[in-house]
Protein backbone atom coordinates (compact mmCIF):
# COMPACT_ATOMS: atom_id res chain seq x y z
CA MET A 1 53.77 -29.54 51.92
CA ILE A 2 56.53 -28.42 49.56
CA GLY A 3 58.04 -26.34 52.35
CA LYS A 4 58.23 -29.38 54.63
CA LYS A 5 59.94 -31.40 51.92
CA ILE A 6 62.49 -28.64 51.31
CA ALA A 7 63.16 -28.39 55.04
CA ALA A 8 63.55 -32.17 55.28
CA PHE A 9 65.95 -32.11 52.32
CA PHE A 10 68.23 -29.48 53.85
CA PHE A 11 68.12 -31.12 57.28
CA SER A 12 69.07 -34.47 55.73
CA MET A 13 71.95 -32.84 53.85
CA PHE A 14 73.12 -31.19 57.09
CA LEU A 15 73.15 -34.52 58.94
CA LEU A 16 74.93 -36.14 56.01
CA SER A 17 77.59 -33.43 55.97
CA MET A 18 78.26 -33.96 59.70
CA ALA A 19 78.54 -37.72 59.26
CA VAL A 20 80.76 -37.46 56.17
CA PHE A 21 83.11 -34.92 57.74
CA SER A 22 83.44 -36.82 61.02
CA VAL A 23 84.13 -40.18 59.36
CA ALA A 24 86.65 -38.63 56.95
CA ARG A 25 88.56 -36.79 59.66
CA LEU A 26 88.60 -39.74 62.06
CA ALA A 27 89.56 -42.27 59.37
CA PRO A 28 93.05 -43.80 59.60
CA GLY A 29 95.81 -42.28 57.52
CA ASP A 30 98.05 -39.23 57.57
CA ALA A 31 96.68 -36.22 55.70
CA LEU A 32 100.20 -34.79 55.35
CA ILE A 33 101.39 -37.91 53.52
CA SER A 34 98.35 -37.63 51.24
CA TYR A 35 99.23 -34.02 50.40
CA TYR A 36 103.03 -33.96 50.52
CA GLY A 37 103.81 -37.60 49.72
CA ASP A 38 107.08 -39.05 50.94
CA ARG A 39 108.32 -35.58 51.94
CA ALA A 40 105.99 -35.69 54.96
CA GLU A 41 108.03 -38.52 56.48
CA ARG A 42 111.19 -36.37 56.37
CA MET A 43 109.58 -33.32 57.97
CA THR A 44 110.79 -32.03 61.31
CA ALA A 45 108.35 -31.45 64.15
CA GLU A 46 108.24 -27.71 63.37
CA GLU A 47 107.62 -28.37 59.69
CA ARG A 48 104.76 -30.76 60.49
CA VAL A 49 103.12 -28.14 62.72
CA TRP A 50 103.44 -25.55 59.94
CA ALA A 51 102.02 -27.99 57.35
CA GLU A 52 99.09 -28.96 59.59
CA GLU A 53 98.27 -25.29 60.20
CA LYS A 54 98.39 -24.65 56.45
CA LEU A 55 95.86 -27.42 55.88
CA GLY A 56 93.74 -26.33 58.85
CA LEU A 57 94.28 -29.56 60.79
CA ARG A 58 95.43 -28.01 64.07
CA ASP A 59 91.99 -26.80 65.11
CA SER A 60 89.37 -28.87 66.90
CA LEU A 61 87.06 -31.11 64.88
CA LEU A 62 84.11 -28.75 65.46
CA VAL A 63 86.03 -25.68 64.27
CA GLN A 64 87.23 -27.57 61.20
CA TYR A 65 83.69 -28.67 60.39
CA VAL A 66 82.20 -25.18 60.75
CA ARG A 67 84.92 -23.70 58.53
CA TRP A 68 84.48 -26.48 55.95
CA LEU A 69 80.70 -26.04 55.96
CA GLU A 70 80.92 -22.26 55.55
CA ASN A 71 83.34 -22.61 52.65
CA GLY A 72 81.22 -25.39 51.12
CA LEU A 73 78.12 -23.17 51.12
CA LYS A 74 80.20 -20.70 49.09
CA GLY A 75 81.16 -23.43 46.63
CA ASP A 76 84.66 -24.00 48.02
CA PHE A 77 85.28 -27.59 49.18
CA GLY A 78 89.02 -27.20 49.50
CA ILE A 79 91.93 -28.53 47.50
CA SER A 80 92.35 -32.11 46.38
CA TYR A 81 95.38 -33.57 48.17
CA LYS A 82 96.29 -35.71 45.18
CA TYR A 83 95.57 -33.39 42.25
CA LYS A 84 96.58 -30.14 44.02
CA THR A 85 93.64 -28.28 42.54
CA GLY A 86 90.11 -27.35 43.56
CA VAL A 87 87.84 -30.27 44.43
CA LEU A 88 84.94 -29.03 42.30
CA GLN A 89 87.25 -28.64 39.31
CA VAL A 90 88.44 -32.23 39.67
CA ILE A 91 84.86 -33.50 39.96
CA GLY A 92 83.73 -31.37 37.02
CA ASN A 93 86.39 -32.89 34.79
CA ARG A 94 85.11 -36.41 35.53
CA MET A 95 81.38 -35.80 35.80
CA GLU A 96 80.85 -35.70 32.04
CA ASN A 97 82.07 -39.29 31.67
CA THR A 98 79.85 -40.56 34.49
CA LEU A 99 76.81 -38.75 33.10
CA LEU A 100 77.50 -40.26 29.69
CA LEU A 101 77.86 -43.81 31.02
CA GLY A 102 75.22 -43.64 33.75
CA GLY A 103 72.73 -41.53 31.78
CA THR A 104 72.90 -43.71 28.67
CA GLY A 105 72.72 -46.83 30.82
CA PHE A 106 69.69 -45.46 32.69
CA LEU A 107 67.77 -44.81 29.47
CA LEU A 108 68.67 -48.18 27.96
CA ILE A 109 67.78 -50.01 31.18
CA PHE A 110 64.28 -48.58 31.41
CA LEU A 111 63.54 -48.75 27.70
CA GLY A 112 64.76 -52.34 27.70
CA ALA A 113 62.84 -53.16 30.87
CA LEU A 114 59.66 -51.76 29.36
CA GLY A 115 60.15 -53.83 26.20
CA LEU A 116 61.11 -57.08 27.92
CA GLY A 117 58.40 -56.70 30.57
CA SER A 118 55.79 -56.14 27.87
CA ILE A 119 56.90 -59.22 25.93
CA CYS A 120 56.71 -61.33 29.10
CA ALA A 121 53.23 -60.00 29.91
CA LEU A 122 51.97 -60.69 26.38
CA THR A 123 53.39 -64.23 26.39
CA GLU A 124 52.58 -65.04 30.02
CA ASN A 125 53.75 -68.57 30.93
CA GLY A 126 54.82 -69.12 27.33
CA TRP A 127 58.28 -70.29 26.30
CA MET A 128 59.50 -66.72 25.68
CA ASP A 129 58.26 -65.52 29.06
CA ARG A 130 59.93 -68.43 30.86
CA TRP A 131 63.17 -68.02 28.89
CA ILE A 132 63.45 -64.28 29.56
CA CYS A 133 62.69 -64.72 33.27
CA ARG A 134 65.28 -67.49 33.67
CA VAL A 135 68.02 -65.61 31.84
CA GLY A 136 67.19 -62.48 33.82
CA THR A 137 67.30 -64.31 37.14
CA ILE A 138 70.71 -65.80 36.35
CA SER A 139 72.27 -62.57 35.07
CA SER A 140 70.96 -60.44 37.94
CA CYS A 141 72.54 -62.85 40.45
CA ILE A 142 76.02 -62.48 38.91
CA PRO A 143 78.12 -59.90 40.83
CA GLU A 144 78.73 -56.80 38.75
CA PHE A 145 82.50 -56.76 39.23
CA TRP A 146 82.78 -60.43 38.17
CA MET A 147 80.69 -59.83 35.06
CA ALA A 148 82.94 -56.88 34.19
CA LEU A 149 86.10 -58.97 34.63
CA VAL A 150 84.69 -61.75 32.42
CA ALA A 151 83.74 -59.18 29.75
CA ILE A 152 87.30 -57.80 29.79
CA LEU A 153 88.79 -61.30 29.58
CA VAL A 154 86.59 -62.40 26.67
CA PHE A 155 86.14 -59.30 24.51
CA ALA A 156 89.32 -57.34 25.28
CA VAL A 157 91.99 -59.96 26.08
CA ASN A 158 91.00 -63.10 24.15
CA LEU A 159 89.14 -61.65 21.17
CA GLY A 160 90.73 -58.20 21.14
CA TRP A 161 87.55 -56.61 19.80
CA LEU A 162 87.11 -53.86 22.40
CA PRO A 163 89.34 -51.75 24.68
CA SER A 164 89.49 -52.83 28.31
CA SER A 165 89.87 -49.46 30.01
CA GLY A 166 89.64 -45.70 29.66
CA ALA A 167 87.06 -43.44 28.05
CA TYR A 168 89.08 -42.89 24.87
CA ASP A 169 92.53 -43.45 23.40
CA ILE A 170 95.26 -40.91 24.13
CA GLY A 171 94.69 -37.76 22.09
CA LYS A 172 91.25 -38.83 20.89
CA SER A 173 88.96 -37.18 23.43
CA GLU A 174 86.98 -35.52 20.60
CA ASP A 175 86.76 -38.70 18.52
CA VAL A 176 83.13 -39.81 18.92
CA PRO A 177 83.53 -43.32 17.40
CA ASN A 178 86.52 -43.95 19.68
CA ARG A 179 84.55 -42.88 22.77
CA ILE A 180 81.64 -45.12 21.75
CA LEU A 181 84.05 -48.04 21.35
CA HIS A 182 85.35 -47.55 24.91
CA LEU A 183 81.79 -47.20 26.19
CA ILE A 184 80.47 -50.51 24.86
CA LEU A 185 81.85 -52.89 27.51
CA PRO A 186 81.10 -50.87 30.69
CA LEU A 187 77.70 -49.83 29.34
CA SER A 188 76.81 -53.42 28.49
CA VAL A 189 77.66 -54.58 32.00
CA VAL A 190 75.59 -51.80 33.61
CA VAL A 191 72.56 -52.54 31.41
CA VAL A 192 72.68 -56.35 31.63
CA GLN A 193 73.10 -56.24 35.41
CA HIS A 194 70.03 -54.06 36.02
CA VAL A 195 67.59 -54.40 33.13
CA TRP A 196 66.20 -57.81 34.09
CA TYR A 197 65.30 -56.73 37.61
CA TYR A 198 63.17 -53.83 36.38
CA ALA A 199 61.76 -55.84 33.48
CA TYR A 200 60.44 -58.37 35.99
CA MET A 201 58.75 -55.55 37.93
CA VAL A 202 57.18 -54.22 34.72
CA ARG A 203 55.95 -57.72 33.90
CA ASN A 204 54.26 -58.12 37.28
CA GLN A 205 52.69 -54.67 37.12
CA LEU A 206 51.30 -55.28 33.63
CA LEU A 207 49.93 -58.69 34.62
CA LYS A 208 48.23 -57.04 37.57
CA GLU A 209 46.65 -54.51 35.21
CA LEU A 210 45.61 -57.27 32.78
CA GLY A 211 43.70 -58.92 35.60
CA ALA A 212 41.66 -55.81 36.37
CA GLU A 213 37.93 -55.60 35.64
CA TYR A 214 38.26 -52.95 32.93
CA VAL A 215 40.51 -55.32 30.97
CA LEU A 216 37.92 -58.10 31.18
CA LEU A 217 35.34 -55.62 29.84
CA ALA A 218 37.69 -54.65 27.00
CA LYS A 219 38.24 -58.32 26.14
CA SER A 220 34.50 -58.90 26.07
CA LYS A 221 34.29 -56.18 23.43
CA GLY A 222 36.72 -58.12 21.26
CA LEU A 223 39.87 -56.04 21.77
CA ARG A 224 43.12 -57.95 21.37
CA LYS A 225 45.55 -58.30 24.26
CA GLY A 226 48.19 -56.15 22.56
CA LYS A 227 45.77 -53.26 22.01
CA ILE A 228 44.53 -53.47 25.60
CA LEU A 229 48.11 -53.35 26.80
CA CYS A 230 48.97 -50.26 24.75
CA ARG A 231 45.74 -48.31 25.16
CA HIS A 232 44.80 -49.07 28.76
CA CYS A 233 47.51 -50.84 30.78
CA PHE A 234 50.47 -48.65 29.82
CA PRO A 235 48.78 -45.32 30.71
CA ASN A 236 47.77 -46.71 34.11
CA MET A 237 51.24 -48.06 34.78
CA ILE A 238 53.32 -45.05 33.69
CA PRO A 239 52.97 -42.97 36.93
CA SER A 240 54.20 -45.85 39.09
CA TYR A 241 56.92 -46.54 36.51
CA LEU A 242 58.14 -42.93 36.82
CA SER A 243 58.27 -43.39 40.58
CA LEU A 244 60.30 -46.58 40.10
CA MET A 245 62.70 -44.71 37.81
CA ALA A 246 63.26 -42.01 40.43
CA ILE A 247 63.94 -44.55 43.19
CA SER A 248 66.29 -46.57 40.98
CA ILE A 249 68.71 -43.74 40.16
CA PRO A 250 70.87 -44.28 43.28
CA HIS A 251 70.86 -48.04 42.62
CA ILE A 252 72.04 -47.63 39.04
CA LEU A 253 74.49 -44.89 40.05
CA GLY A 254 76.12 -47.25 42.56
CA GLY A 255 76.46 -49.91 39.89
CA THR A 256 77.97 -47.35 37.52
CA TYR A 257 80.57 -46.36 40.12
CA LEU A 258 81.59 -50.00 40.55
CA VAL A 259 81.84 -50.64 36.81
CA GLU A 260 83.94 -47.50 36.37
CA ALA A 261 86.43 -48.73 38.96
CA VAL A 262 86.79 -52.14 37.28
CA PHE A 263 87.19 -50.70 33.77
CA SER A 264 89.39 -47.79 34.95
CA TYR A 265 86.81 -45.54 33.30
CA PRO A 266 87.65 -41.94 34.30
CA GLY A 267 84.40 -41.03 36.02
CA LEU A 268 83.23 -40.25 39.53
CA GLY A 269 83.34 -43.93 40.56
CA THR A 270 87.03 -44.24 39.74
CA LEU A 271 87.62 -40.86 41.38
CA ALA A 272 85.90 -42.04 44.58
CA TYR A 273 88.08 -45.16 44.66
CA GLU A 274 91.23 -43.10 44.13
CA SER A 275 90.27 -40.55 46.79
CA ALA A 276 89.70 -43.32 49.35
CA ARG A 277 92.91 -45.09 48.38
CA TYR A 278 95.08 -41.96 48.63
CA HIS A 279 93.26 -40.52 51.66
CA ASP A 280 92.20 -37.48 49.64
CA TYR A 281 89.70 -36.43 52.30
CA ASN A 282 88.44 -33.18 50.74
CA LEU A 283 87.69 -34.91 47.46
CA LEU A 284 86.12 -37.94 49.15
CA MET A 285 83.84 -35.77 51.29
CA ALA A 286 82.63 -33.80 48.28
CA LEU A 287 81.92 -37.01 46.34
CA CYS A 288 79.99 -38.48 49.28
CA LEU A 289 77.94 -35.30 49.59
CA LEU A 290 77.23 -35.30 45.86
CA SER A 291 76.10 -38.94 45.94
CA GLY A 292 74.00 -38.30 49.04
CA PHE A 293 72.45 -35.26 47.38
CA VAL A 294 71.35 -37.41 44.42
CA VAL A 295 69.95 -40.16 46.67
CA ILE A 296 67.94 -37.79 48.90
CA LEU A 297 66.65 -35.77 45.94
CA CYS A 298 65.53 -38.91 44.08
CA ASN A 299 63.76 -40.28 47.15
CA LEU A 300 61.88 -37.01 47.62
CA ALA A 301 60.95 -36.98 43.92
CA ALA A 302 59.66 -40.56 44.16
CA GLN A 303 57.65 -39.66 47.26
CA MET A 304 56.06 -36.69 45.48
CA ILE A 305 55.15 -38.85 42.48
CA ASN A 306 53.62 -41.50 44.74
CA GLU A 307 51.58 -38.87 46.57
CA LYS A 308 50.35 -37.57 43.23
CA ILE A 309 49.32 -41.09 42.21
CA ASP A 310 47.69 -41.95 45.53
CA PRO A 311 46.62 -38.93 47.67
CA ARG A 312 46.08 -41.29 50.61
CA MET A 313 49.86 -41.47 51.03
CA LYS A 314 49.95 -37.70 51.57
CA GLU A 315 47.32 -38.01 54.27
CA GLN A 316 49.31 -40.77 55.99
CA THR A 317 52.52 -38.73 55.83
CA TYR A 318 51.20 -35.37 57.01
CA GLY A 319 47.99 -36.41 58.73
């Protein structure tokens, strides 16, 4: 079974690489302008031919793809047209910021969702349950980019409490308090946008558990609702919650990319926007492959967790 999953993973990555390369190469824009800037417009015909050969653009699309794939398997995804350095080096310089923002946001989202969902389940149909659900419904319907713009307007422009962009002030990359200060606004937007959605799912799952027969038996023995929730409902819900966490990583990652672009936060999201804007094809292809890698891996992990929870799913998949 593991072998089939590994084979499916590599086949999916192969199809993704073909799609990403084809779309990037056939996209509008002049690669020479992306690499050489305004100098490309002043090149003679002979100079353009030389420049295209240097970048490997004179060969057929198939030859270019095979060469790119071979180099990629060796860890060489080419040179960034904008930064004039290796693609992996450019991505590596930004990945730390995205992991900090997205990773912290991921933990806060699921800890918050667990807490809010538990409160709603304990106070089912009470004023707190209704209030949390209404606020969550409203906030989850607000577009992420609009929420980010409002946060910048209120807390950075009008009140002046927090910085509106960047990961740190110039020359303060090692200053932890300064980095935390720059992280507050984008992190708040990421968490507020997603936490209510998952909290509502936790609430429904816990209420489903509270309606089970073993809970009725526990209540008949005089156990309080809070104890039943902690001792019985949580352990039964955790496996499906882990599966939900695995599935949600691409969703939260996409939201993180968008927030980074709005706040000019120097992470992979901003890098993806810049690579698309400046037609930096090598960088854009590597970022798409990296994002696709995360999505496919998380889906396979979620599938494996689900099969562990319910073996009948394995029989349906491979039977």
